[in-house]
Amino acid sequence: MRRMLVLVALFGLVASQSMASAGPPESSPMVLVPAGEFTMGSATGDSDEQPERKVYVDAFTMDKYEVTVEQYAAFLQAKGIDPPSDWKIMNQTAHQKRPAANMDSVDAALYCKWVGKRLPTEAEWEKAARGTDGRMYPWGNDAPTPLHANFGRTDWNNHGALAPVGSFEQGKSPYGLYDMAGNVWEWVSDWYDFRYYKNAPSKNPTGPSSGGTKVIRGGAWNGNARALRSANRSLISPTDQGLTGFRCAKNP
């Protein structure tokens, strides 16, 4: 009897230690984006992308890939929060390496915090997507093709319209980040302001202090070539669970 009690006590100690050490799974590999200036906005783009200007951003790291269904499933299980819409359809074996979608900006930010990161700013996202040479798309100035990005689709096909992350080698950004054009729109931390570029600081802009809508970037599976431009801005409510995903950033 005494031996059994000792074994039970030891098992309980090991179990409690295991639970205490349990944490987020290994997240996406990250890529360093060095400090410096880049061209933000577009003189030939939409009005909210103007004026085109030089912006300085401190060094940061960003996820190489969009957060996947598999990674987001671990977060939901650990935190016990409500899943995004269509989660049962999304969380199937065939979709585990595809980007997670339909979470609002609050839950996207919570995931990044859970893995010791944060959502990128709009400026960080654009620099990571286009580099420092003013290119139109992550890969350059050539119009997008099916070899560059997942776009121009019309059938959602129960999450099957999205490509597994890292599928488009020819569409990488100058820093080696995948899927920064197409697949899913991506949350950034900035509130949206149509006129923000006209008065924004030229160093580490973080967007307005408040607002009613948030910025999303990168275009999506059903977008056209113009929506995939790295300078393109779009906006939705921060509580909208549209077909939007995200990737995380971190200070180096």
Protein backbone atom coordinates (compact mmCIF):
# COMPACT_ATOMS: atom_id res chain seq x y z
CA MET A 1 0.00 0.00 0.00
CA ARG A 2 2.79 2.40 0.91
CA ARG A 3 4.53 1.69 -2.39
CA MET A 4 1.33 2.44 -4.28
CA LEU A 5 0.92 5.75 -2.47
CA VAL A 6 4.50 6.71 -3.35
CA LEU A 7 3.90 5.86 -7.01
CA VAL A 8 0.69 7.86 -7.08
CA ALA A 9 2.48 10.83 -5.52
CA LEU A 10 5.32 10.59 -8.03
CA PHE A 11 2.88 10.36 -10.93
CA GLY A 12 1.05 13.43 -9.66
CA LEU A 13 4.32 15.36 -9.38
CA VAL A 14 5.38 14.45 -12.93
CA ALA A 15 1.93 15.31 -14.27
CA SER A 16 1.89 18.68 -12.54
CA GLN A 17 5.39 19.48 -13.82
CA SER A 18 4.33 18.50 -17.34
CA MET A 19 1.27 20.74 -17.16
CA ALA A 20 3.31 23.60 -15.75
CA SER A 21 5.84 23.35 -18.57
CA ALA A 22 3.23 22.97 -21.30
CA GLY A 23 3.13 25.96 -23.59
CA PRO A 24 2.72 27.00 -27.19
CA PRO A 25 4.00 24.58 -29.83
CA GLU A 26 6.90 25.59 -32.02
CA SER A 27 5.59 28.37 -34.20
CA SER A 28 6.49 29.46 -37.69
CA PRO A 29 10.17 30.14 -38.42
CA MET A 30 10.92 33.84 -38.48
CA VAL A 31 12.88 36.05 -40.84
CA LEU A 32 14.87 39.15 -39.91
CA VAL A 33 13.96 42.38 -41.66
CA PRO A 34 16.85 44.80 -41.02
CA ALA A 35 16.42 48.40 -39.93
CA GLY A 36 16.32 51.09 -42.55
CA GLU A 37 14.22 53.07 -45.00
CA PHE A 38 11.89 51.75 -47.65
CA THR A 39 9.35 53.24 -50.04
CA MET A 40 5.86 53.06 -48.52
CA GLY A 41 2.73 53.77 -50.50
CA SER A 42 2.27 54.28 -54.22
CA ALA A 43 2.05 57.42 -56.32
CA THR A 44 -0.07 55.51 -58.86
CA GLY A 45 -2.13 53.55 -56.33
CA ASP A 46 -5.36 54.37 -54.53
CA SER A 47 -5.79 57.68 -52.71
CA ASP A 48 -5.22 56.10 -49.30
CA GLU A 49 -1.78 54.89 -50.47
CA GLN A 50 -0.63 58.46 -51.10
CA PRO A 51 1.62 60.26 -50.78
CA GLU A 52 4.34 57.74 -51.57
CA ARG A 53 7.16 58.42 -49.12
CA LYS A 54 10.31 57.10 -47.46
CA VAL A 55 9.67 55.48 -44.08
CA TYR A 56 12.25 54.24 -41.59
CA VAL A 57 11.44 51.06 -39.67
CA ASP A 58 13.51 49.54 -36.87
CA ALA A 59 14.70 45.95 -37.29
CA PHE A 60 12.11 43.26 -36.58
CA THR A 61 11.45 39.61 -37.32
CA MET A 62 8.34 38.25 -39.00
CA ASP A 63 6.83 34.81 -39.49
CA LYS A 64 7.98 33.25 -42.73
CA TYR A 65 4.50 31.78 -43.25
CA GLU A 66 0.92 32.63 -42.38
CA VAL A 67 -0.34 30.96 -39.20
CA THR A 68 -1.75 27.56 -40.13
CA VAL A 69 -4.90 25.73 -39.10
CA GLU A 70 -2.72 23.26 -37.18
CA GLN A 71 -1.04 26.04 -35.20
CA TYR A 72 -4.30 27.85 -34.51
CA ALA A 73 -5.95 24.62 -33.34
CA ALA A 74 -3.29 24.27 -30.64
CA PHE A 75 -4.01 27.83 -29.51
CA LEU A 76 -7.76 27.24 -29.30
CA GLN A 77 -7.25 24.08 -27.28
CA ALA A 78 -4.84 25.76 -24.88
CA LYS A 79 -6.82 28.96 -24.34
CA GLY A 80 -10.35 27.57 -24.50
CA ILE A 81 -11.70 30.50 -26.50
CA ASP A 82 -14.49 30.33 -29.06
CA PRO A 83 -13.29 29.12 -32.47
CA PRO A 84 -13.78 31.24 -35.58
CA SER A 85 -16.71 30.68 -37.88
CA ASP A 86 -16.59 27.52 -40.03
CA TRP A 87 -13.93 26.06 -37.73
CA LYS A 88 -15.25 22.49 -38.06
CA ILE A 89 -14.91 22.76 -41.82
CA MET A 90 -11.49 24.37 -41.53
CA ASN A 91 -10.03 21.99 -38.95
CA GLN A 92 -9.86 18.91 -41.17
CA THR A 93 -6.83 16.75 -41.90
CA ALA A 94 -6.55 18.07 -45.46
CA HIS A 95 -6.37 21.69 -44.26
CA GLN A 96 -3.86 21.56 -41.40
CA LYS A 97 -1.05 23.22 -43.41
CA ARG A 98 -3.35 25.81 -44.99
CA PRO A 99 -3.62 29.25 -43.36
CA ALA A 100 -6.14 29.64 -40.57
CA ALA A 101 -8.85 32.18 -41.36
CA ASN A 102 -12.00 33.82 -40.01
CA MET A 103 -10.59 35.00 -36.68
CA ASP A 104 -11.10 38.62 -35.66
CA SER A 105 -8.23 41.00 -34.93
CA VAL A 106 -8.48 40.48 -31.15
CA ASP A 107 -7.99 36.71 -31.39
CA ALA A 108 -5.21 37.13 -33.96
CA ALA A 109 -3.40 39.44 -31.52
CA LEU A 110 -4.02 36.97 -28.66
CA TYR A 111 -2.45 34.17 -30.66
CA CYS A 112 0.65 36.27 -31.34
CA LYS A 113 0.91 37.14 -27.65
CA TRP A 114 0.55 33.44 -26.76
CA VAL A 115 3.63 32.60 -28.83
CA GLY A 116 5.59 35.57 -27.48
CA LYS A 117 5.07 37.78 -30.51
CA ARG A 118 2.71 40.51 -31.75
CA LEU A 119 0.87 41.56 -34.87
CA PRO A 120 3.07 43.56 -37.27
CA THR A 121 2.44 47.21 -37.92
CA GLU A 122 1.25 48.21 -41.35
CA ALA A 123 4.67 49.70 -42.14
CA GLU A 124 6.48 46.56 -41.02
CA TRP A 125 4.18 44.41 -43.12
CA GLU A 126 4.74 46.50 -46.25
CA LYS A 127 8.51 46.59 -45.85
CA ALA A 128 8.63 42.81 -45.32
CA ALA A 129 6.51 42.36 -48.45
CA ARG A 130 8.28 44.68 -50.90
CA GLY A 131 11.78 45.32 -49.62
CA THR A 132 13.66 48.56 -50.23
CA ASP A 133 13.60 48.88 -54.03
CA GLY A 134 10.01 50.08 -54.37
CA ARG A 135 8.77 46.94 -56.13
CA MET A 136 5.06 46.53 -56.79
CA TYR A 137 4.72 42.91 -55.66
CA PRO A 138 6.82 40.75 -53.33
CA TRP A 139 8.59 39.14 -56.30
CA GLY A 140 9.09 42.31 -58.34
CA ASN A 141 7.09 44.31 -60.86
CA ASP A 142 5.89 41.52 -63.14
CA ALA A 143 2.16 40.87 -63.11
CA PRO A 144 1.16 37.94 -60.88
CA THR A 145 0.71 34.47 -62.34
CA PRO A 146 -0.41 31.18 -60.72
CA LEU A 147 3.30 30.54 -60.04
CA HIS A 148 3.51 33.64 -57.83
CA ALA A 149 0.40 33.55 -55.67
CA ASN A 150 -2.98 32.02 -54.93
CA PHE A 151 -5.53 34.47 -56.34
CA GLY A 152 -8.36 34.85 -58.84
CA ARG A 153 -10.37 31.86 -57.62
CA THR A 154 -14.16 31.83 -57.47
CA ASP A 155 -14.98 28.63 -55.56
CA TRP A 156 -14.28 28.61 -51.80
CA ASN A 157 -14.56 24.80 -51.74
CA ASN A 158 -14.82 24.57 -47.93
CA HIS A 159 -11.35 26.00 -47.23
CA GLY A 160 -9.85 24.06 -50.14
CA ALA A 161 -9.41 27.27 -52.13
CA LEU A 162 -6.47 28.18 -49.91
CA ALA A 163 -3.02 26.84 -50.73
CA PRO A 164 -0.79 25.23 -48.08
CA VAL A 165 1.63 27.84 -46.75
CA GLY A 166 4.93 28.07 -48.59
CA SER A 167 3.54 26.76 -51.89
CA PHE A 168 4.77 29.60 -54.13
CA GLU A 169 8.56 29.67 -54.33
CA GLN A 170 8.51 32.26 -57.13
CA GLY A 171 6.31 34.58 -55.08
CA LYS A 172 8.62 35.07 -52.10
CA SER A 173 9.34 38.55 -50.79
CA PRO A 174 12.91 39.97 -50.85
CA TYR A 175 13.39 38.65 -47.31
CA GLY A 176 12.12 35.15 -48.11
CA LEU A 177 8.58 35.45 -46.73
CA TYR A 178 5.88 33.42 -48.44
CA ASP A 179 2.26 34.24 -49.37
CA MET A 180 2.43 37.96 -48.74
CA ALA A 181 0.28 38.29 -51.83
CA GLY A 182 -2.89 36.24 -52.11
CA ASN A 183 -4.15 33.24 -50.11
CA VAL A 184 -5.73 35.20 -47.20
CA TRP A 185 -5.85 38.85 -46.23
CA GLU A 186 -3.65 39.44 -43.18
CA TRP A 187 -4.41 41.45 -40.04
CA VAL A 188 -1.96 44.15 -38.97
CA SER A 189 -2.09 46.13 -35.73
CA ASP A 190 -2.95 49.54 -37.21
CA TRP A 191 -6.29 51.25 -37.09
CA TYR A 192 -7.32 52.46 -40.54
CA ASP A 193 -7.41 56.13 -41.53
CA PHE A 194 -7.92 57.10 -45.16
CA ARG A 195 -5.76 60.22 -44.70
CA TYR A 196 -3.12 58.77 -42.38
CA TYR A 197 -0.24 58.82 -44.88
CA LYS A 198 -0.53 62.58 -45.30
CA ASN A 199 0.52 63.26 -41.70
CA ALA A 200 2.09 59.98 -40.54
CA PRO A 201 5.54 60.05 -38.94
CA SER A 202 8.41 59.01 -41.18
CA LYS A 203 9.89 56.73 -38.51
CA ASN A 204 8.14 53.64 -37.14
CA PRO A 205 4.54 54.71 -37.86
CA THR A 206 2.01 52.68 -35.89
CA GLY A 207 -1.24 54.07 -37.26
CA PRO A 208 -3.90 56.22 -35.58
CA SER A 209 -4.47 55.84 -31.84
CA SER A 210 -8.05 54.69 -32.38
CA GLY A 211 -10.62 54.06 -35.05
CA GLY A 212 -13.57 52.05 -36.20
CA THR A 213 -11.84 49.76 -38.67
CA LYS A 214 -8.54 47.91 -38.90
CA VAL A 215 -6.11 47.58 -41.81
CA ILE A 216 -5.72 44.26 -43.62
CA ARG A 217 -3.02 43.58 -46.20
CA GLY A 218 -1.96 41.30 -49.03
CA GLY A 219 -5.05 40.37 -51.01
CA ALA A 220 -6.63 36.94 -51.02
CA TRP A 221 -7.51 33.78 -52.91
CA ASN A 222 -10.43 35.49 -54.69
CA GLY A 223 -8.73 38.84 -55.40
CA ASN A 224 -7.43 40.33 -58.62
CA ALA A 225 -3.89 41.41 -59.49
CA ARG A 226 -4.40 44.98 -58.29
CA ALA A 227 -5.43 43.78 -54.81
CA LEU A 228 -2.17 41.81 -54.54
CA ARG A 229 0.04 44.91 -54.76
CA SER A 230 2.21 45.30 -51.65
CA ALA A 231 1.12 48.93 -51.18
CA ASN A 232 -2.57 48.08 -51.35
CA ARG A 233 -4.62 48.78 -48.22
CA SER A 234 -8.00 47.42 -47.26
CA LEU A 235 -10.09 47.68 -44.13
CA ILE A 236 -12.65 45.75 -42.10
CA SER A 237 -14.19 45.92 -38.65
CA PRO A 238 -11.84 44.60 -35.94
CA THR A 239 -14.57 42.15 -34.92
CA ASP A 240 -15.21 40.91 -38.46
CA GLN A 241 -14.57 37.20 -38.94
CA GLY A 242 -14.10 37.50 -42.68
CA LEU A 243 -11.72 35.34 -44.69
CA THR A 244 -8.74 36.95 -43.02
CA GLY A 245 -5.65 35.32 -41.52
CA PHE A 246 -2.40 36.69 -40.11
CA ARG A 247 1.27 36.22 -39.33
CA CYS A 248 3.17 37.49 -36.30
CA ALA A 249 6.15 39.78 -35.80
CA LYS A 250 8.62 40.33 -32.98
CA ASN A 251 11.32 42.74 -31.93
CA PRO A 252 14.72 41.11 -32.50
